[in-house]
Amino acid sequence: MKRVKVVDALVSTDYGKNITVMGWVRSHRSSKAVDFIALNDGSTIKNIQVVVSPEVMDAEQLKSITTGACIRATGTLVESQGAGQSVEVQAQEIEIYGLCPSDYPMQKKGQSFEYMRQYAHMRLRTNTFGAVFRIRHNMAIAVHRYFHEHGFYYFHTPIITASDAEGAGEMFQVTTLDLDRVAKSGTVEYEKDFFGKKTSLTVSGQLEGELGATALGAVYTFGPTFRAENSNTPRHLAEFWMIEPEVAFMEQEELMDLEEDFIKYCVNWALTNCKDDLEFLNNMIDKSLIETLESVVKESFVRLTYTEGIKILEEAVKAGRKFEFPVKGWGMDLSSEHERYLV
């Protein structure tokens, strides 16, 4: 029988129909009459309840199905009598694909981010990381849809490059040279390297994107970017995905319109297509998440000139505001704390 994804089974109204669901056990509890297994396959943050009566499988086998086990359940889709779910599967057959040891680290109880970091290979199975990656997937879809609908071409720029893109950041080098030999000799013979010159991982696709815009009119890059900046802050990552639109014949006001419209489009896409995941993160991580996202869509963005921003910061200092980085007046670079204050 063809597998039905949990996300589809949960909204189905084909009551009385036999279906097969497969996934990993989130919880298993027993009562005197039946067992209840919460099954999740990653297609949604919600679980489907599988009800197993004693005649379906041996008691010891059933007992061995613990959190983290992988199973296939075939049975009848029925309206659920319990709270928290609209449908459930009355199991007729259970097949165990893989059992899970008692020391499985991702148990039903919540875990801290520090704890989950110790089990990076398993944390994807948690509700938090599942929600994040489903939302990330939807954000990638929104990025491509937005630019496609606005006449942009997706422009693939090189990952390995000799360009530092206007000095955008420190670069990770790429080489096939024997580094032990280089260390001993003290000299680097780049002419003997794979490309015959010094090459690195890209810090930006901007240069190539600008060239593309002068040929195609409007392009965008969206891909991995690497910065060898050992700053250890949320704003400085060694590897991240960056979006860089490049357009010919666009004025500053038009560019700001595009930026605002793009951000609102992506946020609205998340609110529309990631409701369950956002509600989970709103309840468990940040109580103001959905409210903040909704305000981004509803409110118009305030636009300030650099001069106006400096004036606001100077007035804040006069009013007694203390900044870690001094406000030195017109011509200074804005730090992240200055930007946060202005926002």
Protein backbone atom coordinates (compact mmCIF):
# COMPACT_ATOMS: atom_id res chain seq x y z
CA MET A 1 0.00 0.00 0.00
CA LYS A 2 1.29 3.45 -0.93
CA ARG A 3 2.52 5.54 1.98
CA VAL A 4 0.51 8.61 3.02
CA LYS A 5 2.46 11.49 4.52
CA VAL A 6 1.40 12.53 8.01
CA VAL A 7 0.72 16.10 6.85
CA ASP A 8 -1.82 14.75 4.33
CA ALA A 9 -3.34 12.16 6.65
CA LEU A 10 -4.08 14.79 9.29
CA VAL A 11 -6.30 16.80 6.92
CA SER A 12 -7.92 13.81 5.24
CA THR A 13 -11.63 13.12 5.67
CA ASP A 14 -11.53 9.67 4.02
CA TYR A 15 -12.77 8.03 7.22
CA GLY A 16 -12.89 4.27 7.06
CA LYS A 17 -10.17 4.11 4.42
CA ASN A 18 -7.08 1.98 5.00
CA ILE A 19 -3.84 3.95 4.88
CA THR A 20 -0.16 3.37 5.59
CA VAL A 21 1.95 5.88 7.50
CA MET A 22 5.66 5.61 8.23
CA GLY A 23 7.86 7.60 10.54
CA TRP A 24 9.64 7.90 13.85
CA VAL A 25 8.00 7.46 17.23
CA ARG A 26 7.73 10.63 19.29
CA SER A 27 6.02 8.97 22.23
CA HIS A 28 4.44 5.66 23.23
CA ARG A 29 2.04 5.22 26.11
CA SER A 30 0.04 2.22 27.20
CA SER A 31 -3.36 1.79 28.78
CA LYS A 32 -5.12 -1.38 29.88
CA ALA A 33 -6.94 -1.81 26.58
CA VAL A 34 -4.77 -0.21 23.87
CA ASP A 35 -1.46 1.51 23.17
CA PHE A 36 -1.08 5.00 21.73
CA ILE A 37 1.88 5.81 19.49
CA ALA A 38 2.57 9.39 18.34
CA LEU A 39 4.21 9.11 14.92
CA ASN A 40 5.99 11.85 12.97
CA ASP A 41 7.57 11.70 9.52
CA GLY A 42 8.95 15.25 9.27
CA SER A 43 6.29 16.48 6.84
CA THR A 44 4.67 18.53 9.62
CA ILE A 45 5.38 19.44 13.21
CA LYS A 46 2.19 17.62 14.21
CA ASN A 47 2.10 13.91 15.02
CA ILE A 48 -0.52 11.38 14.01
CA GLN A 49 -1.82 9.05 16.69
CA VAL A 50 -1.66 5.34 15.97
CA VAL A 51 -3.93 3.24 18.20
CA VAL A 52 -2.71 -0.33 18.65
CA SER A 53 -4.87 -3.03 20.23
CA PRO A 54 -3.27 -6.13 21.84
CA GLU A 55 -4.19 -8.52 19.00
CA VAL A 56 -2.21 -6.50 16.42
CA MET A 57 1.22 -7.56 17.67
CA ASP A 58 3.02 -9.40 20.44
CA ALA A 59 3.10 -7.52 23.74
CA GLU A 60 6.89 -7.69 24.07
CA GLN A 61 7.37 -6.45 20.52
CA LEU A 62 4.96 -3.61 21.14
CA LYS A 63 6.76 -2.70 24.34
CA SER A 64 10.05 -2.47 22.44
CA ILE A 65 8.71 0.42 20.33
CA THR A 66 10.10 3.41 22.21
CA THR A 67 10.78 7.05 21.38
CA GLY A 68 12.97 7.29 18.28
CA ALA A 69 11.99 3.91 16.81
CA CYS A 70 11.13 3.78 13.11
CA ILE A 71 7.93 1.95 12.14
CA ARG A 72 5.31 1.45 9.47
CA ALA A 73 1.67 1.43 10.55
CA THR A 74 -1.21 0.28 8.35
CA GLY A 75 -4.77 0.69 9.50
CA THR A 76 -8.08 2.50 9.25
CA LEU A 77 -8.26 6.29 9.27
CA VAL A 78 -10.93 7.36 11.78
CA GLU A 79 -12.09 10.52 13.48
CA SER A 80 -10.22 10.86 16.75
CA GLN A 81 -12.15 10.73 20.00
CA GLY A 82 -9.30 12.35 21.91
CA ALA A 83 -8.33 15.98 22.24
CA GLY A 84 -5.49 17.44 20.22
CA GLN A 85 -5.99 15.63 16.91
CA SER A 86 -8.75 15.38 14.34
CA VAL A 87 -7.93 11.90 13.02
CA GLU A 88 -6.06 8.80 14.10
CA VAL A 89 -5.08 5.43 12.67
CA GLN A 90 -6.62 2.28 14.12
CA ALA A 91 -3.70 -0.05 13.44
CA GLN A 92 -4.18 -3.41 11.78
CA GLU A 93 -0.48 -4.06 11.20
CA ILE A 94 2.73 -2.65 12.62
CA GLU A 95 6.14 -3.29 11.09
CA ILE A 96 9.28 -2.27 12.95
CA TYR A 97 12.00 -0.85 10.70
CA GLY A 98 14.40 0.02 13.49
CA LEU A 99 14.34 0.06 17.28
CA CYS A 100 15.93 2.73 19.43
CA PRO A 101 18.10 2.22 22.54
CA SER A 102 16.99 3.50 25.92
CA ASP A 103 19.76 6.12 25.91
CA TYR A 104 18.38 7.82 22.77
CA PRO A 105 19.29 11.47 23.43
CA MET A 106 16.22 13.16 21.89
CA GLN A 107 13.52 12.08 24.30
CA LYS A 108 10.02 13.56 24.47
CA LYS A 109 10.98 16.21 27.02
CA GLY A 110 12.38 19.50 25.74
CA GLN A 111 16.13 20.03 25.42
CA SER A 112 18.24 23.17 25.52
CA PHE A 113 20.14 24.35 22.46
CA GLU A 114 23.39 23.63 24.31
CA TYR A 115 22.29 20.04 24.89
CA MET A 116 21.16 19.56 21.28
CA ARG A 117 24.50 20.88 20.00
CA GLN A 118 26.14 17.80 21.52
CA TYR A 119 24.02 15.63 19.21
CA ALA A 120 24.10 17.64 15.98
CA HIS A 121 23.41 14.51 13.91
CA MET A 122 20.19 13.81 15.84
CA ARG A 123 18.84 17.28 16.63
CA LEU A 124 17.11 17.52 13.25
CA ARG A 125 14.49 15.17 14.72
CA THR A 126 13.49 17.68 17.38
CA ASN A 127 10.44 19.89 16.95
CA THR A 128 12.59 23.02 17.05
CA PHE A 129 14.97 22.06 14.28
CA GLY A 130 12.23 20.48 12.22
CA ALA A 131 10.30 23.75 12.37
CA VAL A 132 13.37 25.81 11.50
CA PHE A 133 14.25 23.74 8.45
CA ARG A 134 10.69 23.62 7.12
CA ILE A 135 10.55 27.41 7.45
CA ARG A 136 13.98 27.75 5.83
CA HIS A 137 12.75 25.63 2.91
CA ASN A 138 9.73 27.89 2.51
CA MET A 139 11.92 31.00 2.65
CA ALA A 140 14.03 29.65 -0.22
CA ILE A 141 10.84 29.02 -2.21
CA ALA A 142 9.65 32.57 -1.45
CA VAL A 143 12.97 34.09 -2.55
CA HIS A 144 12.85 32.36 -5.92
CA ARG A 145 9.14 33.06 -6.45
CA TYR A 146 9.49 36.75 -5.66
CA PHE A 147 12.36 37.41 -8.02
CA HIS A 148 10.86 35.24 -10.76
CA GLU A 149 7.57 37.13 -10.52
CA HIS A 150 9.45 40.45 -10.73
CA GLY A 151 11.43 39.64 -13.85
CA PHE A 152 14.78 38.68 -12.31
CA TYR A 153 17.01 35.89 -13.56
CA TYR A 154 18.61 33.47 -11.09
CA PHE A 155 22.34 33.96 -11.64
CA HIS A 156 24.77 31.26 -10.51
CA THR A 157 28.10 32.73 -9.42
CA PRO A 158 31.28 30.73 -8.71
CA ILE A 159 31.97 29.32 -5.25
CA ILE A 160 35.72 29.10 -5.90
CA THR A 161 37.14 32.43 -7.03
CA ALA A 162 40.18 34.69 -7.08
CA SER A 163 38.02 37.79 -6.48
CA ASP A 164 37.60 39.30 -3.03
CA ALA A 165 34.50 41.27 -4.12
CA GLU A 166 35.62 44.76 -3.12
CA GLY A 167 37.28 43.46 0.05
CA ALA A 168 34.00 42.17 1.48
CA GLY A 169 35.75 40.04 4.11
CA GLU A 170 38.61 37.73 4.96
CA MET A 171 38.65 34.70 2.67
CA PHE A 172 39.09 30.96 3.17
CA GLN A 173 41.78 29.69 0.81
CA VAL A 174 41.32 26.69 -1.47
CA THR A 175 44.41 24.70 -2.38
CA THR A 176 45.64 21.27 -3.43
CA LEU A 177 49.20 22.03 -2.32
CA ASP A 178 50.82 19.86 0.35
CA LEU A 179 50.61 22.23 3.31
CA ASP A 180 53.16 20.27 5.34
CA ARG A 181 55.69 20.76 2.56
CA VAL A 182 54.78 24.44 2.28
CA ALA A 183 55.33 24.86 6.01
CA LYS A 184 58.77 23.27 5.81
CA SER A 185 59.92 25.22 2.76
CA GLY A 186 58.43 28.52 3.87
CA THR A 187 57.35 29.38 0.32
CA VAL A 188 54.04 28.98 -1.51
CA GLU A 189 54.34 28.14 -5.19
CA TYR A 190 50.86 29.05 -6.40
CA GLU A 191 51.83 28.29 -9.99
CA LYS A 192 51.88 24.62 -8.96
CA ASP A 193 48.43 24.82 -7.36
CA PHE A 194 45.31 23.45 -9.07
CA PHE A 195 44.35 26.77 -10.66
CA GLY A 196 47.89 28.11 -10.98
CA LYS A 197 47.04 31.06 -8.75
CA LYS A 198 45.79 31.88 -5.25
CA THR A 199 42.09 30.97 -4.99
CA SER A 200 39.49 31.16 -2.23
CA LEU A 201 35.87 30.46 -1.32
CA THR A 202 33.61 33.32 -2.37
CA VAL A 203 32.72 36.11 0.05
CA SER A 204 30.14 37.55 -2.36
CA GLY A 205 28.72 37.04 -5.83
CA GLN A 206 28.37 40.80 -6.26
CA LEU A 207 31.03 41.29 -8.95
CA GLU A 208 29.65 38.55 -11.20
CA GLY A 209 26.10 39.70 -10.44
CA GLU A 210 26.90 43.23 -11.60
CA LEU A 211 28.24 41.83 -14.86
CA GLY A 212 25.08 39.75 -15.24
CA ALA A 213 22.87 42.79 -14.70
CA THR A 214 24.59 44.64 -17.53
CA ALA A 215 23.61 41.80 -19.86
CA LEU A 216 20.26 40.53 -18.54
CA GLY A 217 18.95 43.68 -16.87
CA ALA A 218 17.98 42.17 -13.51
CA VAL A 219 19.59 39.18 -11.80
CA TYR A 220 19.86 37.81 -8.29
CA THR A 221 22.32 35.48 -6.63
CA PHE A 222 21.27 33.16 -3.83
CA GLY A 223 23.82 30.71 -2.53
CA PRO A 224 26.52 29.86 0.00
CA THR A 225 29.00 32.53 1.03
CA PHE A 226 32.08 32.19 3.23
CA ARG A 227 33.80 34.72 5.50
CA ALA A 228 36.91 33.95 7.53
CA GLU A 229 35.96 36.42 10.26
CA ASN A 230 36.54 35.01 13.72
CA SER A 231 34.11 37.41 15.42
CA ASN A 232 31.93 34.79 17.14
CA THR A 233 28.73 36.86 16.99
CA PRO A 234 25.31 36.09 15.46
CA ARG A 235 26.09 38.72 12.81
CA HIS A 236 29.32 37.07 11.68
CA LEU A 237 29.13 33.55 10.30
CA ALA A 238 31.83 31.49 8.62
CA GLU A 239 29.24 30.12 6.18
CA PHE A 240 25.82 31.47 5.26
CA TRP A 241 23.47 31.90 2.29
CA MET A 242 23.27 35.40 0.86
CA ILE A 243 20.77 37.07 -1.48
CA GLU A 244 22.20 39.70 -3.81
CA PRO A 245 19.97 41.31 -6.46
CA GLU A 246 21.66 43.41 -9.12
CA VAL A 247 19.60 45.63 -11.44
CA ALA A 248 20.43 47.97 -14.29
CA PHE A 249 18.59 51.30 -14.55
CA MET A 250 17.17 51.52 -11.02
CA GLU A 251 16.97 54.63 -8.85
CA GLN A 252 17.56 54.67 -5.10
CA GLU A 253 13.86 55.02 -4.22
CA GLU A 254 13.01 52.11 -6.52
CA LEU A 255 15.68 50.01 -4.82
CA MET A 256 14.27 50.76 -1.36
CA ASP A 257 10.79 49.91 -2.63
CA LEU A 258 12.12 46.58 -3.90
CA GLU A 259 13.84 45.80 -0.59
CA GLU A 260 10.74 46.54 1.48
CA ASP A 261 8.42 44.67 -0.87
CA PHE A 262 10.75 41.65 -0.94
CA ILE A 263 10.99 41.40 2.85
CA LYS A 264 7.22 41.74 3.27
CA TYR A 265 6.61 39.13 0.58
CA CYS A 266 8.87 36.59 2.30
CA VAL A 267 7.47 37.26 5.77
CA ASN A 268 3.90 37.00 4.50
CA TRP A 269 4.81 33.74 2.74
CA ALA A 270 6.02 32.34 6.07
CA LEU A 271 2.88 33.49 7.90
CA THR A 272 0.71 31.87 5.24
CA ASN A 273 2.61 28.62 4.62
CA CYS A 274 4.34 27.90 7.95
CA LYS A 275 1.52 28.47 10.45
CA ASP A 276 2.04 25.35 12.56
CA ASP A 277 5.81 25.77 12.76
CA LEU A 278 5.57 29.47 13.59
CA GLU A 279 2.97 28.79 16.28
CA PHE A 280 5.30 26.24 17.85
CA LEU A 281 8.24 28.66 17.83
CA ASN A 282 5.97 31.44 19.12
CA ASN A 283 4.87 29.26 22.05
CA MET A 284 8.23 27.70 22.88
CA ILE A 285 10.97 30.14 21.83
CA ASP A 286 9.69 33.72 21.39
CA LYS A 287 6.21 34.73 22.56
CA SER A 288 6.24 37.82 20.34
CA LEU A 289 7.43 36.13 17.14
CA ILE A 290 4.15 36.09 15.19
CA GLU A 291 3.20 39.57 16.40
CA THR A 292 6.56 40.89 15.20
CA LEU A 293 6.24 39.22 11.81
CA GLU A 294 2.70 40.53 11.34
CA SER A 295 3.87 44.06 12.15
CA VAL A 296 6.60 43.78 9.50
CA VAL A 297 3.93 43.05 6.89
CA LYS A 298 1.47 45.71 8.07
CA GLU A 299 3.74 48.66 8.84
CA SER A 300 5.52 50.85 6.31
CA PHE A 301 9.30 50.95 6.71
CA VAL A 302 10.71 54.25 7.98
CA ARG A 303 13.40 55.59 5.66
CA LEU A 304 16.20 57.74 7.05
CA THR A 305 19.13 59.43 5.42
CA TYR A 306 22.52 58.84 6.98
CA THR A 307 22.53 62.46 8.18
CA GLU A 308 19.15 62.03 9.89
CA GLY A 309 20.38 58.85 11.57
CA ILE A 310 23.48 60.57 12.96
CA LYS A 311 21.34 63.43 14.26
CA ILE A 312 19.04 60.99 16.10
CA LEU A 313 22.05 59.28 17.70
CA GLU A 314 23.58 62.60 18.75
CA GLU A 315 20.30 63.68 20.33
CA ALA A 316 20.13 60.35 22.16
CA VAL A 317 23.59 60.94 23.63
CA LYS A 318 22.57 64.44 24.76
CA ALA A 319 19.54 62.87 26.47
CA GLY A 320 21.82 60.54 28.44
CA ARG A 321 21.91 57.42 26.26
CA LYS A 322 25.15 55.47 26.70
CA PHE A 323 26.64 53.64 23.72
CA GLU A 324 29.49 51.13 23.87
CA PHE A 325 30.85 52.65 20.66
CA PRO A 326 30.98 56.47 20.89
CA VAL A 327 28.87 58.59 18.56
CA LYS A 328 31.56 60.67 16.86
CA GLY A 329 29.37 62.58 14.46
CA TRP A 330 28.93 62.75 10.71
CA GLY A 331 31.32 60.46 8.83
CA MET A 332 31.43 57.71 11.47
CA ASP A 333 30.59 54.09 10.71
CA LEU A 334 27.40 52.82 12.35
CA SER A 335 27.88 49.84 14.66
CA SER A 336 25.22 47.20 15.23
CA GLU A 337 24.15 48.89 18.50
CA HIS A 338 23.62 52.16 16.64
CA GLU A 339 21.54 50.36 14.01
CA ARG A 340 19.46 48.62 16.69
CA TYR A 341 18.76 51.95 18.40
CA LEU A 342 17.64 53.56 15.14
CA VAL A 343 15.34 50.63 14.36
